[in-house]
Protein backbone atom coordinates (compact mmCIF):
# COMPACT_ATOMS: atom_id res chain seq x y z
CA MET A 1 0.00 0.00 0.00
CA ASP A 2 1.47 3.39 -0.95
CA ASN A 3 1.90 6.22 1.51
CA SER A 4 -0.93 8.39 0.12
CA LYS A 5 -3.48 5.65 0.89
CA LEU A 6 -2.03 5.21 4.38
CA VAL A 7 -2.31 8.96 4.97
CA SER A 8 -5.95 8.85 3.83
CA ILE A 9 -6.66 5.89 6.12
CA SER A 10 -5.09 7.75 9.07
CA ALA A 11 -7.39 10.68 8.28
CA TYR A 12 -10.40 8.35 8.23
CA PHE A 13 -9.62 7.24 11.77
CA ARG A 14 -8.52 10.70 12.96
CA HIS A 15 -11.50 11.16 15.29
CA LEU A 16 -10.78 7.80 16.94
CA LEU A 17 -7.22 8.78 17.84
CA PRO A 18 -5.90 11.38 20.27
CA LYS A 19 -4.89 14.52 18.37
CA GLY A 20 -1.21 14.21 19.33
CA ILE A 21 -0.97 10.66 17.97
CA GLN A 22 -2.81 11.62 14.79
CA GLU A 23 -0.31 14.46 14.19
CA LYS A 24 2.64 12.14 14.78
CA ILE A 25 1.31 9.56 12.31
CA LEU A 26 0.81 12.22 9.66
CA PHE A 27 4.29 13.64 10.22
CA ILE A 28 5.88 10.17 9.90
CA PHE A 29 4.33 9.84 6.43
CA ILE A 30 5.21 13.39 5.41
CA ARG A 31 8.82 12.98 6.53
CA ARG A 32 9.03 9.70 4.62
CA TYR A 33 7.82 11.44 1.48
CA LEU A 34 10.24 14.31 1.97
CA ASP A 35 13.14 11.85 2.18
CA LEU A 36 11.95 10.28 -1.06
CA LEU A 37 11.57 13.70 -2.72
CA ALA A 38 15.08 14.70 -1.66
CA ASN A 39 16.46 11.80 -3.71
CA THR A 40 14.03 11.94 -6.65
CA LYS A 41 15.74 12.52 -9.98
CA GLY A 42 13.03 13.24 -12.55
CA LYS A 43 10.79 16.28 -12.40
CA GLU A 44 7.69 14.26 -13.31
CA GLU A 45 8.21 11.86 -10.41
CA PHE A 46 8.98 14.74 -8.06
CA LEU A 47 5.73 16.54 -8.91
CA GLU A 48 3.69 13.34 -8.55
CA ARG A 49 5.09 12.58 -5.11
CA PHE A 50 4.73 16.14 -3.91
CA ASP A 51 1.09 16.14 -4.97
CA GLN A 52 0.61 12.99 -2.87
CA ILE A 53 1.94 14.88 0.16
CA LEU A 54 -0.53 17.69 -0.46
CA GLU A 55 -3.35 15.18 -0.87
CA GLY A 56 -2.54 13.73 2.55
CA LEU A 57 -2.40 17.18 4.12
CA SER A 58 -5.71 18.15 2.52
CA VAL A 59 -7.46 15.08 3.88
CA ASN A 60 -6.08 15.77 7.36
CA ALA A 61 -6.68 19.53 7.29
CA GLY A 62 -8.48 20.85 10.34
CA ALA A 63 -9.54 24.31 9.18
CA SER A 64 -11.45 25.09 5.97
CA GLU A 65 -9.03 27.94 5.20
CA SER A 66 -6.16 25.42 5.29
CA ARG A 67 -7.91 23.10 2.84
CA SER A 68 -8.53 26.00 0.44
CA ALA A 69 -4.84 27.01 0.53
CA ILE A 70 -3.73 23.44 -0.20
CA GLN A 71 -6.14 23.17 -3.11
CA VAL A 72 -4.70 26.31 -4.73
CA ILE A 73 -1.18 24.83 -4.48
CA ARG A 74 -2.35 21.50 -5.90
CA GLU A 75 -3.99 23.18 -8.90
CA SER A 76 -0.77 25.07 -9.59
CA LEU A 77 1.23 21.83 -9.42
CA GLN A 78 -1.20 20.08 -11.74
CA GLY A 79 -0.61 22.80 -14.30
CA GLU A 80 3.14 22.21 -13.98
CA GLN A 81 2.61 18.45 -14.35
CA LEU A 82 0.67 19.01 -17.58
CA ALA A 83 3.38 21.33 -18.91
CA THR A 84 6.01 18.66 -18.09
CA LEU A 85 4.04 15.98 -19.93
CA ILE A 86 3.68 18.23 -23.01
CA ARG A 87 7.44 18.89 -23.05
CA LYS A 88 8.07 15.15 -22.74
CA ARG A 89 5.62 14.20 -25.52
CA PHE A 90 6.71 16.72 -28.17
CA SER A 91 10.08 17.77 -29.52
CA PRO A 92 11.15 21.45 -29.37
CA GLU A 93 10.48 21.72 -33.11
CA GLU A 94 6.96 20.29 -32.74
CA LEU A 95 6.22 22.62 -29.84
CA GLU A 96 7.30 25.55 -31.98
CA ARG A 97 5.18 24.37 -34.92
CA LEU A 98 2.13 23.84 -32.70
CA GLN A 99 2.73 27.19 -30.98
CA ALA A 100 2.49 25.39 -27.65
CA ASN A 101 5.26 27.26 -25.82
CA LEU A 102 2.88 30.04 -24.78
CA LEU A 103 0.53 27.46 -23.24
CA ILE A 104 3.45 25.83 -21.40
CA ASP A 105 4.53 29.19 -20.03
CA LYS A 106 1.00 29.81 -18.72
CA LEU A 107 0.84 26.37 -17.09
CA SER A 108 4.33 26.50 -15.59
CA SER A 109 5.20 28.02 -12.22
CA PRO A 110 8.66 28.95 -10.91
CA TYR A 111 7.52 27.84 -7.45
CA THR A 112 7.79 24.17 -8.41
CA LEU A 113 11.49 24.78 -9.07
CA LEU A 114 11.71 26.64 -5.75
CA ILE A 115 10.20 23.65 -3.94
CA GLN A 116 12.73 21.36 -5.62
CA LEU A 117 15.62 23.65 -4.69
CA LEU A 118 14.47 23.74 -1.07
CA ILE A 119 13.92 20.01 -0.64
CA GLN A 120 16.85 18.76 -2.68
CA HIS A 121 19.54 21.42 -2.25
CA ARG A 122 18.99 24.31 0.14
CA LEU A 123 17.56 22.90 3.37
CA SER A 124 19.26 20.66 5.89
CA LYS A 125 17.26 17.58 6.87
CA SER A 126 16.47 19.22 10.21
CA SER A 127 15.25 22.41 8.50
CA ARG A 128 13.22 20.40 6.01
CA ASP A 129 11.56 18.25 8.66
CA LYS A 130 10.87 21.14 11.04
CA LEU A 131 9.32 23.23 8.28
CA ALA A 132 6.99 20.34 7.50
CA GLU A 133 6.23 19.50 11.13
CA THR A 134 5.80 22.90 12.79
CA PHE A 135 4.67 25.08 9.93
CA PHE A 136 2.60 22.70 7.80
CA CYS A 137 1.50 19.64 9.76
CA LYS A 138 0.51 21.44 12.96
CA TRP A 139 -0.99 24.37 11.08
CA ILE A 140 -2.92 22.10 8.72
CA THR A 141 -4.22 19.60 11.29
CA ASP A 142 -5.00 22.09 14.07
CA ASN A 143 -8.78 22.40 14.36
CA LYS A 144 -8.66 24.93 17.20
CA ARG A 145 -9.24 27.76 14.75
CA ASP A 146 -12.48 26.28 13.43
CA GLY A 147 -13.66 25.68 17.00
CA LEU A 148 -12.95 29.27 17.98
CA GLU A 149 -14.70 30.58 14.85
CA LYS A 150 -17.90 28.92 16.01
CA GLU A 151 -17.64 31.19 19.06
CA GLY A 152 -17.34 34.22 16.77
CA PHE A 153 -13.56 34.52 17.20
CA GLN A 154 -11.02 34.30 14.41
CA ALA A 155 -7.33 34.16 15.28
CA PRO A 156 -4.87 36.00 13.01
CA TRP A 157 -2.35 34.08 10.92
CA PHE A 158 0.56 35.40 12.98
CA PHE A 159 1.77 38.36 15.01
CA VAL A 160 5.02 40.29 15.21
CA ILE A 161 7.03 40.64 18.41
CA SER A 162 9.76 43.26 18.71
CA PRO A 163 11.32 41.98 21.95
CA LEU A 164 13.88 44.77 22.22
CA ARG A 165 14.85 48.21 21.01
CA ALA A 166 18.62 47.71 21.04
CA CYS A 167 20.51 47.33 17.78
CA ASN A 168 24.13 47.54 16.66
CA LEU A 169 23.17 49.62 13.60
CA LYS A 170 21.60 53.06 13.18
CA CYS A 171 19.81 53.00 9.86
CA THR A 172 18.31 56.20 8.48
CA GLY A 173 14.54 56.34 9.00
CA CYS A 174 14.31 53.07 10.94
CA TYR A 175 10.94 52.82 12.76
CA ALA A 176 12.64 50.81 15.53
CA ASN A 177 14.57 53.87 16.74
CA ALA A 178 17.67 51.76 17.22
CA GLY A 179 19.80 52.28 20.30
CA GLY A 180 19.52 51.05 23.87
CA GLY A 181 16.34 50.88 25.89
CA PRO A 182 13.81 48.47 27.40
CA GLN A 183 12.96 44.94 26.31
CA ILE A 184 10.21 42.41 26.96
CA PRO A 185 11.10 40.08 29.87
CA TYR A 186 11.61 36.47 28.83
CA PRO A 187 8.77 35.08 31.03
CA ILE A 188 6.37 37.44 29.22
CA LEU A 189 7.55 36.16 25.83
CA ASP A 190 7.11 32.62 27.09
CA ARG A 191 3.48 33.26 28.11
CA MET A 192 2.71 35.02 24.83
CA LEU A 193 3.80 32.00 22.81
CA ASN A 194 1.86 29.56 24.97
CA GLU A 195 -1.26 31.68 24.50
CA ALA A 196 -0.62 31.84 20.74
CA LYS A 197 -0.58 28.05 20.52
CA ASP A 198 -3.87 27.88 22.42
CA LEU A 199 -5.37 30.04 19.64
CA GLY A 200 -3.98 27.86 16.84
CA ILE A 201 -1.29 30.39 15.85
CA ARG A 202 1.79 28.52 14.67
CA PHE A 203 3.80 31.23 12.93
CA ILE A 204 5.58 34.02 14.81
CA THR A 205 7.56 36.93 13.37
CA ILE A 206 10.40 38.41 15.41
CA SER A 207 11.59 41.94 14.67
CA GLY A 208 13.40 44.62 16.65
CA GLY A 209 15.89 46.28 17.21
CA GLU A 210 18.17 43.40 16.33
CA PRO A 211 16.56 40.13 17.51
CA PHE A 212 19.87 38.30 17.95
CA TYR A 213 20.91 41.05 20.36
CA TYR A 214 18.19 39.92 22.81
CA LYS A 215 19.15 38.55 26.22
CA ASP A 216 17.20 38.66 29.48
CA ARG A 217 20.02 38.69 32.00
CA LYS A 218 17.67 38.18 34.95
CA VAL A 219 16.88 34.64 33.80
CA ASN A 220 19.94 34.24 31.53
CA LYS A 221 17.84 33.54 28.43
CA THR A 222 18.45 34.57 24.81
CA ILE A 223 16.35 34.53 21.66
CA LEU A 224 17.86 31.12 20.84
CA ASP A 225 16.39 29.74 24.07
CA LEU A 226 12.96 30.94 22.94
CA PHE A 227 13.36 29.06 19.63
CA ARG A 228 14.45 25.89 21.45
CA GLU A 229 11.81 25.93 24.18
CA HIS A 230 8.98 26.62 21.73
CA ASP A 231 10.21 24.42 18.92
CA ASP A 232 6.62 23.58 17.95
CA LEU A 233 6.36 27.07 16.40
CA TYR A 234 7.96 28.42 13.23
CA TYR A 235 9.73 31.79 13.26
CA LEU A 236 10.47 34.44 10.65
CA VAL A 237 13.21 36.72 12.00
CA TYR A 238 14.00 40.14 10.55
CA THR A 239 17.70 40.72 11.17
CA ASN A 240 20.54 42.88 9.92
CA GLY A 241 22.53 39.64 9.60
CA THR A 242 25.71 40.77 11.36
CA ALA A 243 25.37 38.15 14.13
CA LEU A 244 24.97 35.36 11.54
CA VAL A 245 28.42 35.60 9.92
CA GLY A 246 29.86 32.48 11.59
CA GLU A 247 33.51 31.54 11.97
CA LYS A 248 36.29 33.34 10.17
CA ARG A 249 36.75 32.28 6.54
CA PRO A 250 39.70 32.75 4.13
CA GLU A 251 37.64 34.76 1.61
CA GLU A 252 37.21 37.57 4.15
CA VAL A 253 40.71 38.75 3.28
CA SER A 254 39.27 40.24 0.08
CA PHE A 255 36.68 42.28 2.02
CA SER A 256 37.16 45.96 2.80
CA PRO A 257 38.46 47.01 6.24
CA ALA A 258 34.95 48.31 7.06
CA GLY A 259 33.42 44.97 6.04
CA ARG A 260 35.87 42.97 8.15
CA LYS A 261 35.14 45.25 11.10
CA ARG A 262 31.38 44.72 10.78
CA ILE A 263 31.88 40.96 10.53
CA GLU A 264 34.01 40.91 13.67
CA GLU A 265 31.38 42.98 15.51
CA GLY A 266 28.84 40.34 14.54
CA ARG A 267 31.02 37.56 15.93
CA GLN A 268 31.29 39.46 19.21
CA ILE A 269 27.46 39.61 19.43
CA ALA A 270 27.27 35.85 18.87
CA ARG A 271 29.86 35.14 21.56
CA ASN A 272 29.00 37.77 24.18
CA VAL A 273 25.20 37.86 23.88
CA LEU A 274 24.21 34.43 22.59
CA GLY A 275 27.16 32.43 23.91
CA VAL A 276 27.82 30.60 20.63
CA GLU A 277 30.46 30.74 17.91
CA ASN A 278 28.18 30.20 14.93
CA VAL A 279 24.50 31.17 15.07
CA GLY A 280 23.93 29.78 11.58
CA GLU A 281 25.01 26.31 12.70
CA ILE A 282 22.56 26.45 15.64
CA LEU A 283 19.70 27.55 13.36
CA GLY A 284 20.50 24.73 10.94
CA LYS A 285 20.08 22.22 13.77
CA LEU A 286 16.96 23.85 15.22
CA GLY A 287 15.29 23.99 11.81
CA ASN A 288 12.38 26.23 12.85
CA VAL A 289 13.87 29.68 12.15
CA ALA A 290 13.98 31.53 8.81
CA PRO A 291 16.11 34.73 8.94
CA ALA A 292 15.17 37.55 6.55
CA VAL A 293 18.39 39.53 6.21
CA SER A 294 17.87 43.24 5.63
CA GLN A 295 19.55 45.09 2.78
CA GLU A 296 18.73 48.05 0.55
CA GLY A 297 19.96 46.70 -2.78
CA PHE A 298 23.60 46.10 -3.64
CA GLN A 299 26.62 47.44 -1.73
CA LYS A 300 26.14 51.11 -2.61
CA GLU A 301 22.48 51.29 -1.53
CA THR A 302 22.94 49.11 1.56
CA ASP A 303 25.98 50.87 2.98
CA GLU A 304 24.51 54.33 2.32
CA ARG A 305 21.52 53.65 4.58
CA ARG A 306 22.81 50.99 6.98
CA GLY A 307 26.45 51.92 7.39
CA GLU A 308 29.79 51.21 5.69
CA GLY A 309 30.72 47.54 5.59
CA VAL A 310 27.23 46.19 6.33
CA TYR A 311 26.67 44.80 2.82
CA GLU A 312 29.78 42.61 3.04
CA ALA A 313 28.58 41.34 6.41
CA THR A 314 25.26 40.30 4.82
CA VAL A 315 27.14 38.48 2.03
CA ARG A 316 29.12 36.55 4.63
CA ALA A 317 25.95 35.81 6.65
CA ARG A 318 24.12 34.45 3.60
CA LYS A 319 26.99 32.13 2.77
CA ASN A 320 27.08 30.86 6.33
CA LEU A 321 23.32 30.25 6.45
CA SER A 322 23.43 28.37 3.14
CA SER A 323 26.27 26.15 4.33
CA HIS A 324 24.11 25.01 7.27
CA GLY A 325 20.91 24.47 5.29
CA VAL A 326 18.94 27.35 6.83
CA LEU A 327 15.89 28.73 5.00
CA GLN A 328 16.73 32.39 4.37
CA GLY A 329 15.19 35.46 2.77
CA PHE A 330 15.65 39.18 2.28
CA SER A 331 13.94 42.22 3.78
CA ILE A 332 14.03 45.51 1.89
CA THR A 333 12.72 48.99 2.59
CA VAL A 334 11.61 50.43 -0.75
CA THR A 335 12.38 54.12 -1.21
CA HIS A 336 12.39 56.77 -3.91
CA GLN A 337 16.14 56.14 -4.17
CA ASN A 338 16.34 52.34 -4.51
CA TRP A 339 13.03 51.08 -5.97
CA GLN A 340 14.44 50.51 -9.45
CA VAL A 341 17.48 48.60 -8.17
CA VAL A 342 15.60 46.24 -5.82
CA SER A 343 12.94 45.42 -8.43
CA GLY A 344 15.50 44.80 -11.17
CA GLU A 345 16.31 41.50 -12.88
CA GLU A 346 19.97 41.71 -11.79
CA PHE A 347 19.09 42.05 -8.11
CA VAL A 348 16.56 39.20 -8.05
CA GLN A 349 18.93 36.93 -9.99
CA ASP A 350 21.65 37.74 -7.46
CA MET A 351 19.35 36.76 -4.58
CA VAL A 352 18.50 33.44 -6.26
CA GLU A 353 22.18 32.69 -6.83
CA LYS A 354 22.92 33.42 -3.15
CA GLY A 355 20.40 30.78 -2.09
CA VAL A 356 17.65 33.19 -1.02
CA SER A 357 14.22 31.54 -1.13
CA PHE A 358 11.88 34.37 -0.11
CA GLY A 359 11.84 38.13 0.28
CA TRP A 360 9.67 40.89 1.73
CA TYR A 361 9.42 44.42 0.38
CA PHE A 362 8.26 47.23 2.68
CA GLN A 363 7.42 50.70 1.42
CA TYR A 364 9.24 53.40 3.37
CA ILE A 365 6.90 55.07 5.89
CA PRO A 366 7.80 58.55 7.24
CA THR A 367 7.94 57.45 10.87
CA GLY A 368 10.55 56.52 13.41
CA LYS A 369 13.92 58.20 13.52
CA ASP A 370 14.13 61.41 11.42
CA PRO A 371 10.98 60.91 9.27
CA ASP A 372 11.56 62.16 5.74
CA VAL A 373 8.70 62.10 3.21
CA SER A 374 11.15 62.66 0.37
CA LEU A 375 12.31 59.05 0.83
CA MET A 376 8.88 57.70 -0.11
CA ALA A 377 8.42 56.29 -3.58
CA THR A 378 6.01 58.52 -5.52
CA PRO A 379 2.57 57.08 -6.39
CA GLU A 380 3.72 56.47 -9.97
CA GLU A 381 6.96 54.81 -8.78
CA ARG A 382 5.09 52.59 -6.35
CA GLU A 383 2.73 51.35 -9.08
CA LYS A 384 5.64 50.71 -11.47
CA PHE A 385 7.40 48.86 -8.65
CA ARG A 386 4.32 46.66 -8.09
CA ARG A 387 4.14 45.69 -11.73
CA ARG A 388 7.83 44.80 -11.81
CA VAL A 389 7.62 42.63 -8.69
CA TRP A 390 4.49 40.83 -9.92
CA SER A 391 6.27 40.10 -13.20
CA LEU A 392 9.50 38.93 -11.53
CA ARG A 393 7.88 36.42 -9.23
CA ASN A 394 6.18 34.75 -12.17
CA ARG A 395 9.61 34.09 -13.64
CA TYR A 396 12.07 33.47 -10.80
CA PRO A 397 12.14 30.66 -8.21
CA ILE A 398 11.87 32.94 -5.19
CA PHE A 399 8.74 33.85 -3.22
CA MET A 400 8.50 37.65 -2.99
CA GLY A 401 5.85 39.52 -1.04
CA ASP A 402 5.12 43.23 -1.36
CA PHE A 403 3.69 44.14 2.04
CA TRP A 404 1.67 47.08 0.64
CA ASP A 405 0.95 46.36 -2.98
CA ASP A 406 -0.14 42.74 -2.52
CA GLY A 407 -3.44 43.89 -1.01
CA PRO A 408 -5.51 42.08 -3.68
CA TRP A 409 -3.92 38.76 -2.70
CA VAL A 410 -4.62 39.07 1.05
CA GLY A 411 -7.86 41.02 1.21
CA SER A 412 -6.49 44.56 1.65
CA CYS A 413 -5.05 45.70 5.01
CA ILE A 414 -4.13 42.81 7.35
CA SER A 415 -3.50 44.87 10.51
CA GLY A 416 -5.54 45.23 13.69
CA GLY A 417 -5.61 41.48 14.30
CA ARG A 418 -7.34 40.66 11.02
CA LYS A 419 -4.29 38.70 9.94
CA TYR A 420 -1.65 40.11 12.29
CA PHE A 421 -0.71 42.73 14.91
CA HIS A 422 2.42 43.97 16.65
CA ILE A 423 3.75 43.81 20.22
CA ASN A 424 6.54 46.31 20.82
CA TYR A 425 9.57 46.13 23.12
CA ASP A 426 7.77 47.84 26.04
CA GLY A 427 4.67 45.65 25.77
CA ALA A 428 2.56 48.13 23.78
CA VAL A 429 0.13 46.26 21.51
CA GLU A 430 -0.18 48.02 18.17
CA PRO A 431 -2.32 47.32 15.08
CA CYS A 432 0.71 47.28 12.81
CA VAL A 433 4.50 47.38 12.97
CA PHE A 434 4.36 50.80 11.32
CA ALA A 435 1.21 52.19 12.99
CA GLN A 436 2.71 52.47 16.44
CA PHE A 437 -0.30 53.65 18.42
CA HIS A 438 -1.71 51.66 21.32
CA VAL A 439 -4.47 51.52 23.90
CA THR A 440 -3.29 48.30 25.58
CA ASN A 441 -0.03 47.10 27.10
CA ILE A 442 0.32 43.34 27.34
CA ILE A 443 2.78 43.47 30.24
CA SER A 444 0.34 45.56 32.25
CA GLU A 445 -2.48 43.16 31.32
CA TYR A 446 -0.47 40.17 32.55
CA GLU A 447 0.09 41.91 35.88
CA LYS A 448 -3.67 42.13 36.58
CA LYS A 449 -5.03 39.46 38.93
CA GLU A 450 -8.15 38.91 36.84
CA ASN A 451 -5.97 37.96 33.85
CA ARG A 452 -3.94 35.23 35.51
CA LYS A 453 -5.99 32.47 33.88
CA VAL A 454 -7.16 34.46 30.88
CA ASN A 455 -5.78 34.24 27.35
CA VAL A 456 -4.76 37.89 27.10
CA LEU A 457 -3.85 37.64 23.40
CA LYS A 458 -7.42 36.62 22.62
CA LYS A 459 -8.71 39.47 24.79
CA ILE A 460 -6.52 41.96 22.90
CA ILE A 461 -7.60 40.70 19.47
CA GLN A 462 -11.23 41.20 20.58
CA SER A 463 -10.55 44.68 21.98
CA PRO A 464 -12.83 47.54 20.78
CA PHE A 465 -9.82 49.29 19.20
CA PHE A 466 -8.89 46.32 17.02
CA LYS A 467 -12.52 45.45 16.24
CA GLU A 468 -13.16 48.99 15.03
CA ILE A 469 -10.07 48.85 12.82
CA ARG A 470 -11.38 45.65 11.23
CA ARG A 471 -14.79 47.23 10.73
CA ARG A 472 -13.33 50.36 9.14
CA GLN A 473 -11.22 48.20 6.82
CA LEU A 474 -14.47 47.15 5.13
CA GLU A 475 -14.70 50.70 3.76
CA PHE A 476 -11.61 50.13 1.60
CA ASP A 477 -12.73 49.39 -1.94
CA ASN A 478 -9.35 49.50 -3.68
CA ASP A 479 -7.10 46.68 -2.51
CA LEU A 480 -4.08 48.25 -4.22
CA ALA A 481 -4.38 51.05 -1.65
CA PRO A 482 -4.76 49.06 1.59
CA CYS A 483 -2.74 51.03 4.14
CA MET A 484 -4.39 53.19 6.80
CA ILE A 485 -1.10 55.08 7.27
CA ILE A 486 -0.30 56.25 3.76
CA ASP A 487 -3.38 55.31 1.69
CA HIS A 488 -6.11 56.24 4.22
CA PRO A 489 -4.37 58.63 6.63
CA LYS A 490 -7.62 60.29 7.76
CA MET A 491 -8.88 56.95 9.01
CA LEU A 492 -5.77 56.52 11.17
CA ARG A 493 -6.22 60.01 12.62
CA ASP A 494 -9.89 59.27 13.39
CA LEU A 495 -9.05 55.98 15.11
CA VAL A 496 -6.27 57.46 17.22
CA ALA A 497 -8.47 60.38 18.28
CA GLY A 498 -11.56 58.24 18.88
CA PHE A 499 -9.79 55.76 21.16
CA SER A 500 -7.22 58.19 22.63
CA ALA A 501 -4.53 55.82 21.38
CA LYS A 502 -1.06 56.70 22.59
CA PRO A 503 1.76 57.09 20.10
CA ARG A 504 5.23 55.76 20.72
CA GLN A 505 7.58 58.53 21.74
CA GLY A 506 8.47 60.44 18.57
CA GLU A 507 5.93 58.52 16.45
CA GLY A 508 2.98 60.93 16.68
CA GLU A 509 4.35 63.24 14.01
CA ILE A 510 2.80 61.11 11.27
CA ILE A 511 -0.67 62.27 12.39
CA SER A 512 0.17 65.63 14.01
CA ARG A 513 2.98 67.35 12.11
CA PRO A 514 1.20 69.64 9.61
CA ASP A 515 3.63 69.17 6.73
CA ILE A 516 3.51 65.35 6.99
CA VAL A 517 -0.30 65.31 7.38
CA LYS A 518 -0.73 67.51 4.31
CA PHE A 519 1.74 65.44 2.29
CA LEU A 520 0.08 62.10 3.16
CA ASP A 521 -3.43 63.36 2.37
CA SER A 522 -2.24 64.52 -1.03
CA TYR A 523 -0.24 61.31 -1.58
CA ALA A 524 -3.28 59.14 -0.79
CA GLU A 525 -5.49 61.07 -3.20
CA GLU A 526 -2.94 60.80 -6.00
CA TYR A 527 -2.22 57.10 -5.38
CA GLU A 528 -5.94 56.31 -5.56
CA LYS A 529 -6.07 57.90 -9.02
CA VAL A 530 -3.01 55.95 -10.17
CA THR A 531 -4.17 52.53 -8.96
CA ARG A 532 -7.96 52.61 -9.38
CA PRO A 533 -7.91 51.65 -13.10
CA GLN A 534 -5.64 48.67 -12.39
CA PHE A 535 -7.77 47.38 -9.54
CA GLU A 536 -10.87 47.65 -11.72
CA LYS A 537 -9.08 45.47 -14.30
CA MET A 538 -8.39 42.91 -11.56
CA LEU A 539 -12.06 42.81 -10.62
CA ARG A 540 -12.95 42.22 -14.28
CA GLY A 541 -10.60 39.22 -14.41
CA GLN A 542 -7.98 40.85 -16.64
CA TYR A 543 -5.20 39.79 -14.23
CA ASN A 544 -6.32 36.14 -14.09
CA THR A 545 -3.91 33.39 -15.14
CA GLU A 546 -4.32 29.71 -16.03
CA ASN A 547 -3.43 28.78 -12.45
CA VAL A 548 -4.99 31.57 -10.37
CA LYS A 549 -8.18 33.58 -10.82
CA LEU A 550 -7.33 36.82 -9.02
CA ASP A 551 -10.86 38.23 -9.29
CA GLU A 552 -12.16 35.19 -7.37
CA VAL A 553 -9.39 35.57 -4.77
CA ILE A 554 -10.40 39.20 -4.20
CA LYS A 555 -14.10 38.38 -3.88
CA SER A 556 -13.38 35.52 -1.50
CA HIS A 557 -11.28 37.74 0.80
CA HIS A 558 -13.89 40.48 0.83
CA TRP A 559 -16.58 37.95 1.69
CA ARG A 560 -14.43 36.56 4.55
CA ASN A 561 -13.71 40.06 5.88
CA ARG A 562 -17.39 40.99 5.96
CA ARG A 563 -18.39 37.64 7.42
CA ARG A 564 -15.85 37.99 10.22
CA VAL A 565 -17.07 41.41 11.28
CA GLU A 566 -20.70 40.26 11.26
CA LEU A 567 -19.87 37.13 13.28
CA GLU A 568 -17.99 39.27 15.81
CA ASN A 569 -20.93 41.63 16.07
CA LYS A 570 -23.31 38.72 16.48
CA ALA A 571 -21.12 37.13 19.16
CA SER A 572 -20.87 40.32 21.18
CA ARG A 573 -24.55 41.25 20.55
CA GLN A 574 -23.54 44.83 19.96
CA ARG A 575 -22.02 47.12 17.35
CA VAL A 576 -19.25 49.62 17.95
CA HIS A 577 -20.46 53.15 17.11
CA PHE A 578 -17.44 55.35 16.81
CA SER A 579 -16.69 56.68 13.36
CA PRO A 580 -17.61 60.29 12.70
CA GLU A 581 -17.94 59.26 9.08
CA LYS A 582 -20.69 57.10 7.57
CA THR A 583 -19.82 53.43 7.34
CA ASN A 584 -20.80 51.14 4.51
CA ILE A 585 -20.93 48.02 6.65
CA LYS A 586 -24.70 47.71 6.13
CA LYS A 587 -24.15 48.03 2.41
CA ASN A 588 -21.62 45.21 2.65
CA LYS A 589 -23.86 42.98 4.76
CA LEU A 590 -23.86 39.35 3.65
CA ASN A 591 -26.90 38.20 1.77
CA LYS A 592 -28.39 34.72 1.99
CA LYS A 593 -27.04 33.67 -1.39
CA GLU A 594 -23.45 34.41 -0.33
CA VAL A 595 -23.89 32.43 2.89
């Protein structure tokens, strides 16, 4: 009997087995398939076996959202399988004569090559198995989310923790306000993650400051201890990469004096803060951490913003991570100065060659240290940037997300607990990493007697502030303009005023400094004009491909967003009446046909 049938049989008996045993059985089969995939030679056989893995995951999926996501991946793979069969059946000359190459291009996906690269070349066995176990198996089989939804509660996909403010760099315009300062005590981090698991959240993002600079000296714990003690979670870590350089290598002789100095500083952080010689080696063994190393482009752009020698440190870090089989990505702040470079063919090709498997683009926001609106990409530049990124990821084996301009793919703004939220270094709970305004502090909440046995994360996600943000998000009718900071700045000002939300020190200028307020209002108006025609094309299906129907994705997300708000209102038996503006929530109310 083949493994796919065994996986299906285990799913059939899933309700007769304790959940923990059912998960272990599934993981045994998945790991067995991954070992087979790692040694598979032909592409056709690889795709067939990988589809069998997805079939098993789909059968065992706990939440309906998980099953939908798996189905989309399977359909994409089936298109690649068909393209492979066509290539195998016909000669290049016949394909040319039949004009079939265009069809093959439409059916093909660079992500199948990415999956092959990850399983067969880039990931250590530990990284491969942990990615499957913690990120996929537990996420897929966990039915806590569906159970909570019946109560009218929907947990976000993930949340971001910035456990500290301290950083060894001082990058221009960094929202983290790098330097010294407070940090979240380790016991608080520990409780947060336990509460996250109780809500079915399996993916945690760590930001900063510099995450690998974190150490709670009272309990002698570092960020690596957090990864070890909660190894049933998967972590994306935004880092400047200097602490990941590893042991000294001969090629460093060719680096500049500034580069060698930065690399040595990184080694000192690893030794003095984390107590290890090579962080990359530790991450390769843990297998549940994916560092996204920050850069601004190539050496010129990176060193100009982050400091001389930093680019060479990132090059060394990437090489070290690759040598230990660690899943790695990039993190880039897109500005008026670098948008063309970081969305260019040369840059993306360079990332692929360096073993980078994913990347996140973030539009520069005039907040944090020395806010400067002149660094923002213009509305026209931002739209050109979006088109370039969307084109590149259809052609290169690297997953790239554009945190702003991918609104159509994720249902517009994801902040305020809809899909994520942010907990800052002093415990302030904020709707977004960039919208640093808060009404709740999680450390203070944990100190209250009445919260000793309460899931405070759940309480925060259900807070009036976050619920109103989610309700106001329904007013957005252009998913290419999803941000309440730069695309809907008046909404942010209304929310902050209506809930007396407190800004982080030095962060309030984005809603109070007259020149910035005026600039953002004008920017939002202009960006709406630039993007509206393109979003209308998406709604008409003009952006659909053979594998993905974007218009259906958009409609599905909008339906889910409206449904969530109505379920929350029904569960609480009340509506929040705050906005001084008219809301269109009644207009967006679900009808019986949609249900």
